[in-house]
Amino acid sequence: MRSFTPLQAAIAFSVGGSVLAVAIPTFLENSHASRLAEPLEGLQRIAERANALAAGSPAELGYPESAPLTPARVPQGERVVDPPGTWEHPTWRRLGFSWDVAHAYSFEFESRKEEGRATFVARAFGDLDGDGVQSRFEISGEIRDDGEPIVYPIRMYRETE
């Protein structure tokens, strides 16, 4: 068995440290980005479909009715696979939205209608670390009788929870 000289050990230690100094922040950044992908992509899918349904319709008919938080219990510190029927609410079906893979967020859709105008807010709630404090992501939009559907930027609250 070969032993290292103090100089060789110092070089190996410094090279290893350099690799870790680059790899760990990149790993953490990618891990954080992957945690954000689910709610951001999910809300974007909901908003795109909601606007497709609203386009060309009178505002009062534009967006589907509200849908409750689904799944009803926000996953805490784990990814869940939903039992059959979880996403059967008519609004989720109309929006073509569901998860058939393990996921870490629950979603809701809120719709309001008044004469000449309709709005929606879609939300994603997560508790990735299981501490009971939830992160929340929202996207909203509106349509008026005299215009095209508009989607507003996604807002994030406690995105690292």
N, C-alpha and C. Protein backbone atom coordinates (compact mmCIF):
# COMPACT_ATOMS: atom_id res chain seq x y z
N MET A 1 0.85 -1.17 0.00
CA MET A 1 0.00 0.00 0.00
C MET A 1 0.89 1.23 0.00
N ARG A 2 0.57 2.16 -0.85
CA ARG A 2 1.37 3.37 -1.02
C ARG A 2 0.90 4.44 -0.06
N SER A 3 1.82 5.16 0.53
CA SER A 3 1.46 6.27 1.40
C SER A 3 1.81 7.57 0.70
N PHE A 4 1.07 8.60 1.05
CA PHE A 4 1.27 9.90 0.42
C PHE A 4 2.23 10.74 1.25
N THR A 5 3.00 11.55 0.56
CA THR A 5 3.84 12.52 1.26
C THR A 5 2.95 13.65 1.73
N PRO A 6 3.39 14.42 2.66
CA PRO A 6 2.56 15.55 3.11
C PRO A 6 2.21 16.50 1.97
N LEU A 7 3.12 16.70 1.03
CA LEU A 7 2.85 17.57 -0.11
C LEU A 7 1.75 16.99 -1.00
N GLN A 8 1.82 15.69 -1.29
CA GLN A 8 0.79 15.04 -2.12
C GLN A 8 -0.57 15.09 -1.43
N ALA A 9 -0.58 14.88 -0.13
CA ALA A 9 -1.83 14.93 0.62
C ALA A 9 -2.42 16.34 0.59
N ALA A 10 -1.55 17.36 0.70
CA ALA A 10 -2.02 18.74 0.66
C ALA A 10 -2.60 19.07 -0.71
N ILE A 11 -1.95 18.60 -1.77
CA ILE A 11 -2.46 18.84 -3.12
C ILE A 11 -3.80 18.14 -3.31
N ALA A 12 -3.90 16.88 -2.90
CA ALA A 12 -5.16 16.13 -3.03
C ALA A 12 -6.26 16.81 -2.25
N PHE A 13 -5.94 17.28 -1.04
CA PHE A 13 -6.92 17.96 -0.21
C PHE A 13 -7.39 19.25 -0.87
N SER A 14 -6.47 20.03 -1.43
CA SER A 14 -6.86 21.30 -2.06
C SER A 14 -7.66 21.07 -3.34
N VAL A 15 -7.30 20.06 -4.12
CA VAL A 15 -8.07 19.75 -5.34
C VAL A 15 -9.48 19.28 -4.95
N GLY A 16 -9.54 18.39 -3.96
CA GLY A 16 -10.85 17.92 -3.50
C GLY A 16 -11.69 19.06 -2.96
N GLY A 17 -11.09 19.95 -2.21
CA GLY A 17 -11.81 21.11 -1.68
C GLY A 17 -12.31 22.01 -2.78
N SER A 18 -11.50 22.20 -3.81
CA SER A 18 -11.91 23.04 -4.95
C SER A 18 -13.11 22.43 -5.67
N VAL A 19 -13.07 21.12 -5.87
CA VAL A 19 -14.18 20.45 -6.54
C VAL A 19 -15.45 20.59 -5.71
N LEU A 20 -15.34 20.38 -4.41
CA LEU A 20 -16.52 20.53 -3.54
C LEU A 20 -17.02 21.97 -3.51
N ALA A 21 -16.11 22.93 -3.53
CA ALA A 21 -16.51 24.34 -3.50
C ALA A 21 -17.34 24.71 -4.73
N VAL A 22 -17.09 24.05 -5.83
CA VAL A 22 -17.86 24.31 -7.05
C VAL A 22 -19.12 23.43 -7.08
N ALA A 23 -18.99 22.18 -6.70
CA ALA A 23 -20.09 21.22 -6.83
C ALA A 23 -21.23 21.46 -5.86
N ILE A 24 -20.95 21.78 -4.62
CA ILE A 24 -22.00 21.91 -3.61
C ILE A 24 -22.95 23.07 -3.93
N PRO A 25 -22.45 24.29 -4.22
CA PRO A 25 -23.40 25.35 -4.57
C PRO A 25 -24.23 25.03 -5.82
N THR A 26 -23.62 24.39 -6.80
CA THR A 26 -24.35 24.02 -8.01
C THR A 26 -25.43 23.00 -7.68
N PHE A 27 -25.10 22.02 -6.85
CA PHE A 27 -26.07 21.02 -6.43
C PHE A 27 -27.24 21.68 -5.70
N LEU A 28 -26.92 22.57 -4.76
CA LEU A 28 -27.97 23.24 -4.00
C LEU A 28 -28.84 24.12 -4.89
N GLU A 29 -28.22 24.80 -5.85
CA GLU A 29 -28.97 25.64 -6.77
C GLU A 29 -29.90 24.79 -7.63
N ASN A 30 -29.41 23.67 -8.13
CA ASN A 30 -30.25 22.78 -8.94
C ASN A 30 -31.36 22.16 -8.11
N SER A 31 -31.06 21.82 -6.87
CA SER A 31 -32.08 21.25 -5.98
C SER A 31 -33.18 22.28 -5.73
N HIS A 32 -32.79 23.52 -5.48
CA HIS A 32 -33.77 24.59 -5.25
C HIS A 32 -34.60 24.81 -6.51
N ALA A 33 -33.96 24.82 -7.67
CA ALA A 33 -34.68 25.03 -8.93
C ALA A 33 -35.67 23.90 -9.18
N SER A 34 -35.30 22.65 -8.88
CA SER A 34 -36.21 21.54 -9.12
C SER A 34 -37.41 21.61 -8.18
N ARG A 35 -37.22 22.15 -6.98
CA ARG A 35 -38.34 22.31 -6.05
C ARG A 35 -39.34 23.34 -6.58
N LEU A 36 -38.85 24.32 -7.31
CA LEU A 36 -39.71 25.37 -7.85
C LEU A 36 -40.38 24.96 -9.16
N ALA A 37 -39.85 23.97 -9.83
CA ALA A 37 -40.39 23.59 -11.13
C ALA A 37 -41.84 23.12 -11.04
N GLU A 38 -42.17 22.31 -10.04
CA GLU A 38 -43.52 21.76 -9.94
C GLU A 38 -44.59 22.84 -9.80
N PRO A 39 -44.48 23.75 -8.83
CA PRO A 39 -45.55 24.75 -8.72
C PRO A 39 -45.56 25.73 -9.88
N LEU A 40 -44.40 26.12 -10.38
CA LEU A 40 -44.36 27.08 -11.48
C LEU A 40 -44.93 26.48 -12.76
N GLU A 41 -44.51 25.28 -13.09
CA GLU A 41 -45.03 24.62 -14.30
C GLU A 41 -46.51 24.29 -14.16
N GLY A 42 -46.92 23.85 -12.97
CA GLY A 42 -48.33 23.53 -12.74
C GLY A 42 -49.22 24.75 -12.90
N LEU A 43 -48.83 25.86 -12.30
CA LEU A 43 -49.63 27.08 -12.41
C LEU A 43 -49.65 27.61 -13.84
N GLN A 44 -48.53 27.49 -14.53
CA GLN A 44 -48.49 27.93 -15.92
C GLN A 44 -49.45 27.10 -16.78
N ARG A 45 -49.49 25.80 -16.55
CA ARG A 45 -50.42 24.93 -17.28
C ARG A 45 -51.87 25.34 -17.01
N ILE A 46 -52.19 25.60 -15.75
CA ILE A 46 -53.55 26.00 -15.38
C ILE A 46 -53.91 27.31 -16.07
N ALA A 47 -53.03 28.29 -16.00
CA ALA A 47 -53.31 29.61 -16.59
C ALA A 47 -53.48 29.53 -18.10
N GLU A 48 -52.64 28.76 -18.77
CA GLU A 48 -52.74 28.64 -20.23
C GLU A 48 -54.08 28.03 -20.62
N ARG A 49 -54.49 26.98 -19.93
CA ARG A 49 -55.76 26.33 -20.25
C ARG A 49 -56.94 27.22 -19.90
N ALA A 50 -56.87 27.92 -18.76
CA ALA A 50 -57.95 28.83 -18.37
C ALA A 50 -58.12 29.92 -19.42
N ASN A 51 -57.03 30.48 -19.91
CA ASN A 51 -57.13 31.52 -20.93
C ASN A 51 -57.61 30.97 -22.26
N ALA A 52 -57.23 29.76 -22.59
CA ALA A 52 -57.72 29.15 -23.83
C ALA A 52 -59.24 28.98 -23.76
N LEU A 53 -59.76 28.60 -22.59
CA LEU A 53 -61.20 28.46 -22.42
C LEU A 53 -61.91 29.80 -22.48
N ALA A 54 -61.26 30.84 -21.96
CA ALA A 54 -61.89 32.17 -21.88
C ALA A 54 -61.87 32.91 -23.21
N ALA A 55 -60.88 32.66 -24.03
CA ALA A 55 -60.73 33.40 -25.29
C ALA A 55 -61.97 33.22 -26.17
N GLY A 56 -62.51 34.32 -26.62
CA GLY A 56 -63.65 34.28 -27.52
C GLY A 56 -64.99 34.08 -26.85
N SER A 57 -65.02 34.00 -25.52
CA SER A 57 -66.28 33.82 -24.79
C SER A 57 -66.63 35.11 -24.07
N PRO A 58 -67.93 35.32 -23.79
CA PRO A 58 -68.28 36.44 -22.92
C PRO A 58 -67.59 36.24 -21.57
N ALA A 59 -67.19 37.32 -20.95
CA ALA A 59 -66.42 37.23 -19.71
C ALA A 59 -67.11 36.36 -18.66
N GLU A 60 -68.42 36.48 -18.52
CA GLU A 60 -69.14 35.73 -17.50
C GLU A 60 -69.03 34.22 -17.68
N LEU A 61 -68.72 33.79 -18.89
CA LEU A 61 -68.60 32.36 -19.18
C LEU A 61 -67.15 31.91 -19.31
N GLY A 62 -66.23 32.86 -19.18
CA GLY A 62 -64.84 32.61 -19.51
C GLY A 62 -64.12 31.54 -18.73
N TYR A 63 -64.07 31.66 -17.43
CA TYR A 63 -63.27 30.74 -16.63
C TYR A 63 -64.16 29.71 -15.94
N PRO A 64 -63.64 28.51 -15.71
CA PRO A 64 -64.42 27.50 -14.99
C PRO A 64 -64.72 27.94 -13.56
N GLU A 65 -65.66 27.26 -12.93
CA GLU A 65 -65.98 27.52 -11.52
C GLU A 65 -64.77 27.23 -10.64
N SER A 66 -64.82 27.70 -9.41
CA SER A 66 -63.73 27.47 -8.47
C SER A 66 -63.60 25.98 -8.16
N ALA A 67 -62.37 25.57 -7.85
CA ALA A 67 -62.09 24.18 -7.46
C ALA A 67 -61.35 24.21 -6.12
N PRO A 68 -61.67 23.28 -5.23
CA PRO A 68 -61.05 23.28 -3.90
C PRO A 68 -59.59 22.85 -3.95
N LEU A 69 -58.92 23.04 -2.82
CA LEU A 69 -57.55 22.60 -2.67
C LEU A 69 -57.48 21.11 -2.94
N THR A 70 -56.60 20.73 -3.87
CA THR A 70 -56.49 19.34 -4.30
C THR A 70 -55.03 18.96 -4.42
N PRO A 71 -54.58 17.89 -3.78
CA PRO A 71 -55.29 17.14 -2.76
C PRO A 71 -55.61 18.03 -1.56
N ALA A 72 -56.63 17.64 -0.80
CA ALA A 72 -57.14 18.49 0.27
C ALA A 72 -56.10 18.71 1.38
N ARG A 73 -55.22 17.77 1.57
CA ARG A 73 -54.15 17.91 2.56
C ARG A 73 -52.85 18.17 1.82
N VAL A 74 -52.20 19.31 2.14
CA VAL A 74 -50.94 19.65 1.50
C VAL A 74 -49.88 18.65 1.96
N PRO A 75 -49.18 18.00 1.02
CA PRO A 75 -48.13 17.06 1.42
C PRO A 75 -47.10 17.75 2.32
N GLN A 76 -46.68 17.06 3.37
CA GLN A 76 -45.72 17.64 4.31
C GLN A 76 -44.41 16.86 4.25
N GLY A 77 -43.41 17.49 3.63
CA GLY A 77 -42.08 16.92 3.61
C GLY A 77 -41.94 15.65 2.79
N GLU A 78 -42.88 15.40 1.90
CA GLU A 78 -42.82 14.19 1.07
C GLU A 78 -43.55 14.42 -0.24
N ARG A 79 -43.26 13.57 -1.19
CA ARG A 79 -43.98 13.57 -2.44
C ARG A 79 -45.07 12.50 -2.32
N VAL A 80 -46.24 12.79 -2.87
CA VAL A 80 -47.36 11.86 -2.76
C VAL A 80 -47.86 11.47 -4.15
N VAL A 81 -48.41 10.29 -4.22
CA VAL A 81 -49.13 9.85 -5.41
C VAL A 81 -50.60 9.83 -5.01
N ASP A 82 -51.42 10.53 -5.76
CA ASP A 82 -52.83 10.67 -5.39
C ASP A 82 -53.62 9.40 -5.70
N PRO A 83 -54.58 9.09 -4.83
CA PRO A 83 -55.45 7.95 -5.12
C PRO A 83 -56.35 8.28 -6.31
N PRO A 84 -56.86 7.27 -6.98
CA PRO A 84 -57.77 7.51 -8.11
C PRO A 84 -58.93 8.40 -7.68
N GLY A 85 -59.32 9.30 -8.56
CA GLY A 85 -60.46 10.18 -8.30
C GLY A 85 -60.11 11.50 -7.66
N THR A 86 -58.87 11.69 -7.26
CA THR A 86 -58.48 12.93 -6.58
C THR A 86 -58.75 14.16 -7.44
N TRP A 87 -58.49 14.07 -8.72
CA TRP A 87 -58.58 15.22 -9.62
C TRP A 87 -59.85 15.19 -10.48
N GLU A 88 -60.92 14.57 -9.97
CA GLU A 88 -62.15 14.42 -10.75
C GLU A 88 -63.10 15.62 -10.67
N HIS A 89 -62.78 16.63 -9.89
CA HIS A 89 -63.64 17.81 -9.82
C HIS A 89 -63.84 18.34 -11.25
N PRO A 90 -65.05 18.75 -11.61
CA PRO A 90 -65.31 19.21 -12.98
C PRO A 90 -64.36 20.32 -13.46
N THR A 91 -63.94 21.19 -12.56
CA THR A 91 -63.03 22.26 -12.97
C THR A 91 -61.67 21.72 -13.34
N TRP A 92 -61.13 20.79 -12.54
CA TRP A 92 -59.82 20.21 -12.89
C TRP A 92 -59.92 19.46 -14.21
N ARG A 93 -61.03 18.79 -14.42
CA ARG A 93 -61.20 18.07 -15.70
C ARG A 93 -61.30 19.05 -16.85
N ARG A 94 -62.03 20.14 -16.65
CA ARG A 94 -62.18 21.14 -17.72
C ARG A 94 -60.84 21.82 -18.03
N LEU A 95 -60.03 22.03 -16.98
CA LEU A 95 -58.70 22.61 -17.18
C LEU A 95 -57.67 21.58 -17.65
N GLY A 96 -58.07 20.32 -17.65
CA GLY A 96 -57.13 19.27 -18.07
C GLY A 96 -55.95 19.16 -17.12
N PHE A 97 -56.19 19.39 -15.83
CA PHE A 97 -55.09 19.44 -14.87
C PHE A 97 -55.19 18.32 -13.85
N SER A 98 -54.10 17.63 -13.66
CA SER A 98 -53.98 16.60 -12.63
C SER A 98 -52.52 16.20 -12.53
N TRP A 99 -52.21 15.41 -11.53
CA TRP A 99 -50.88 14.83 -11.38
C TRP A 99 -51.05 13.32 -11.37
N ASP A 100 -50.30 12.64 -12.19
CA ASP A 100 -50.32 11.18 -12.16
C ASP A 100 -48.97 10.63 -11.73
N VAL A 101 -48.12 11.53 -11.25
CA VAL A 101 -46.82 11.15 -10.69
C VAL A 101 -46.73 11.72 -9.28
N ALA A 102 -45.74 11.29 -8.54
CA ALA A 102 -45.55 11.83 -7.19
C ALA A 102 -45.30 13.33 -7.26
N HIS A 103 -45.95 14.06 -6.36
CA HIS A 103 -45.81 15.51 -6.35
C HIS A 103 -45.82 16.01 -4.91
N ALA A 104 -45.38 17.26 -4.72
CA ALA A 104 -45.22 17.81 -3.37
C ALA A 104 -46.12 19.01 -3.09
N TYR A 105 -47.02 19.35 -4.00
CA TYR A 105 -47.85 20.55 -3.85
C TYR A 105 -49.32 20.20 -4.02
N SER A 106 -50.17 21.01 -3.39
CA SER A 106 -51.61 20.98 -3.61
C SER A 106 -51.98 22.25 -4.36
N PHE A 107 -53.02 22.16 -5.18
CA PHE A 107 -53.43 23.28 -6.04
C PHE A 107 -54.90 23.62 -5.80
N GLU A 108 -55.22 24.90 -6.00
CA GLU A 108 -56.62 25.34 -5.97
C GLU A 108 -56.83 26.36 -7.07
N PHE A 109 -58.09 26.49 -7.46
CA PHE A 109 -58.47 27.43 -8.52
C PHE A 109 -59.66 28.22 -8.02
N GLU A 110 -59.53 29.54 -8.03
CA GLU A 110 -60.61 30.42 -7.58
C GLU A 110 -61.04 31.29 -8.75
N SER A 111 -62.33 31.30 -9.02
CA SER A 111 -62.88 32.05 -10.15
C SER A 111 -63.96 32.99 -9.65
N ARG A 112 -63.94 34.20 -10.17
CA ARG A 112 -64.98 35.19 -9.84
C ARG A 112 -65.51 35.79 -11.12
N LYS A 113 -66.82 36.01 -11.14
CA LYS A 113 -67.47 36.53 -12.34
C LYS A 113 -68.38 37.69 -11.96
N GLU A 114 -68.34 38.71 -12.78
CA GLU A 114 -69.26 39.84 -12.63
C GLU A 114 -69.59 40.31 -14.04
N GLU A 115 -70.52 41.21 -14.15
CA GLU A 115 -70.94 41.65 -15.47
C GLU A 115 -69.74 42.25 -16.23
N GLY A 116 -69.45 41.67 -17.38
CA GLY A 116 -68.42 42.19 -18.25
C GLY A 116 -66.99 41.85 -17.87
N ARG A 117 -66.80 41.08 -16.78
CA ARG A 117 -65.44 40.79 -16.31
C ARG A 117 -65.41 39.48 -15.53
N ALA A 118 -64.35 38.72 -15.70
CA ALA A 118 -64.12 37.51 -14.92
C ALA A 118 -62.64 37.45 -14.55
N THR A 119 -62.36 36.91 -13.37
CA THR A 119 -60.98 36.78 -12.91
C THR A 119 -60.75 35.37 -12.37
N PHE A 120 -59.48 34.99 -12.32
CA PHE A 120 -59.13 33.74 -11.66
C PHE A 120 -57.83 33.94 -10.90
N VAL A 121 -57.67 33.13 -9.88
CA VAL A 121 -56.40 33.00 -9.16
C VAL A 121 -56.18 31.51 -8.95
N ALA A 122 -55.05 31.02 -9.40
CA ALA A 122 -54.66 29.63 -9.16
C ALA A 122 -53.51 29.66 -8.17
N ARG A 123 -53.56 28.75 -7.20
CA ARG A 123 -52.53 28.71 -6.16
C ARG A 123 -51.95 27.32 -6.01
N ALA A 124 -50.68 27.28 -5.63
CA ALA A 124 -50.01 26.04 -5.29
C ALA A 124 -49.45 26.21 -3.87
N PHE A 125 -49.70 25.21 -3.02
CA PHE A 125 -49.22 25.23 -1.64
C PHE A 125 -48.31 24.03 -1.41
N GLY A 126 -47.19 24.27 -0.75
CA GLY A 126 -46.27 23.18 -0.45
C GLY A 126 -45.63 23.35 0.92
N ASP A 127 -45.19 22.26 1.47
CA ASP A 127 -44.46 22.25 2.74
C ASP A 127 -43.32 21.24 2.58
N LEU A 128 -42.31 21.63 1.84
CA LEU A 128 -41.26 20.70 1.45
C LEU A 128 -40.44 20.18 2.62
N ASP A 129 -40.29 20.97 3.67
CA ASP A 129 -39.49 20.50 4.81
C ASP A 129 -40.35 19.90 5.93
N GLY A 130 -41.66 19.88 5.76
CA GLY A 130 -42.55 19.22 6.71
C GLY A 130 -42.69 19.92 8.05
N ASP A 131 -42.38 21.22 8.12
CA ASP A 131 -42.45 21.94 9.39
C ASP A 131 -43.79 22.61 9.66
N GLY A 132 -44.76 22.43 8.76
CA GLY A 132 -46.08 23.02 8.94
C GLY A 132 -46.22 24.43 8.38
N VAL A 133 -45.11 25.04 7.96
CA VAL A 133 -45.14 26.36 7.34
C VAL A 133 -45.16 26.15 5.84
N GLN A 134 -46.14 26.73 5.17
CA GLN A 134 -46.32 26.46 3.75
C GLN A 134 -45.77 27.57 2.87
N SER A 135 -45.26 27.16 1.73
CA SER A 135 -44.95 28.11 0.67
C SER A 135 -46.20 28.24 -0.19
N ARG A 136 -46.33 29.39 -0.85
CA ARG A 136 -47.51 29.61 -1.70
C ARG A 136 -47.07 30.31 -2.97
N PHE A 137 -47.61 29.83 -4.06
CA PHE A 137 -47.36 30.41 -5.37
C PHE A 137 -48.71 30.74 -5.96
N GLU A 138 -48.82 31.89 -6.65
CA GLU A 138 -50.10 32.30 -7.24
C GLU A 138 -49.89 32.84 -8.64
N ILE A 139 -50.85 32.54 -9.49
CA ILE A 139 -50.92 33.17 -10.80
C ILE A 139 -52.36 33.62 -10.97
N SER A 140 -52.58 34.75 -11.59
CA SER A 140 -53.94 35.26 -11.76
C SER A 140 -54.12 35.78 -13.17
N GLY A 141 -55.36 35.96 -13.51
CA GLY A 141 -55.68 36.48 -14.83
C GLY A 141 -57.08 37.05 -14.85
N GLU A 142 -57.39 37.71 -15.94
CA GLU A 142 -58.72 38.29 -16.10
C GLU A 142 -59.07 38.40 -17.57
N ILE A 143 -60.36 38.50 -17.80
CA ILE A 143 -60.87 38.77 -19.14
C ILE A 143 -62.04 39.74 -18.98
N ARG A 144 -62.10 40.66 -19.91
CA ARG A 144 -63.23 41.60 -19.98
C ARG A 144 -63.92 41.38 -21.32
N ASP A 145 -65.20 41.74 -21.36
CA ASP A 145 -65.96 41.55 -22.59
C ASP A 145 -65.29 42.20 -23.80
N ASP A 146 -64.57 43.28 -23.57
CA ASP A 146 -63.99 44.02 -24.69
C ASP A 146 -62.51 43.70 -24.94
N GLY A 147 -62.03 42.55 -24.43
CA GLY A 147 -60.61 42.27 -24.62
C GLY A 147 -60.26 40.80 -24.60
N GLU A 148 -58.97 40.57 -24.72
CA GLU A 148 -58.42 39.23 -24.68
C GLU A 148 -58.05 38.88 -23.23
N PRO A 149 -57.93 37.59 -22.93
CA PRO A 149 -57.52 37.19 -21.58
C PRO A 149 -56.10 37.70 -21.27
N ILE A 150 -55.89 38.08 -20.03
CA ILE A 150 -54.59 38.56 -19.56
C ILE A 150 -54.16 37.67 -18.40
N VAL A 151 -52.89 37.31 -18.38
CA VAL A 151 -52.31 36.57 -17.26
C VAL A 151 -51.25 37.46 -16.62
N TYR A 152 -51.28 37.52 -15.30
CA TYR A 152 -50.32 38.32 -14.56
C TYR A 152 -49.18 37.43 -14.07
N PRO A 153 -48.04 38.01 -13.78
CA PRO A 153 -46.87 37.21 -13.35
C PRO A 153 -47.14 36.39 -12.08
N ILE A 154 -46.44 35.30 -11.97
CA ILE A 154 -46.54 34.44 -10.78
C ILE A 154 -45.93 35.17 -9.59
N ARG A 155 -46.62 35.06 -8.46
CA ARG A 155 -46.11 35.62 -7.20
C ARG A 155 -45.75 34.46 -6.28
N MET A 156 -44.66 34.63 -5.54
CA MET A 156 -44.20 33.58 -4.63
C MET A 156 -44.13 34.12 -3.21
N TYR A 157 -44.57 33.30 -2.28
CA TYR A 157 -44.52 33.62 -0.87
C TYR A 157 -43.86 32.47 -0.14
N ARG A 158 -42.76 32.74 0.53
CA ARG A 158 -41.98 31.70 1.23
C ARG A 158 -41.63 30.55 0.31
N GLU A 159 -41.05 30.87 -0.84
CA GLU A 159 -40.80 29.83 -1.85
C GLU A 159 -39.83 28.76 -1.40
N THR A 160 -39.05 28.99 -0.37
CA THR A 160 -38.07 27.97 0.06
C THR A 160 -38.56 27.13 1.21
N GLU A 161 -39.80 27.25 1.61
CA GLU A 161 -40.31 26.45 2.73
C GLU A 161 -40.37 24.99 2.37
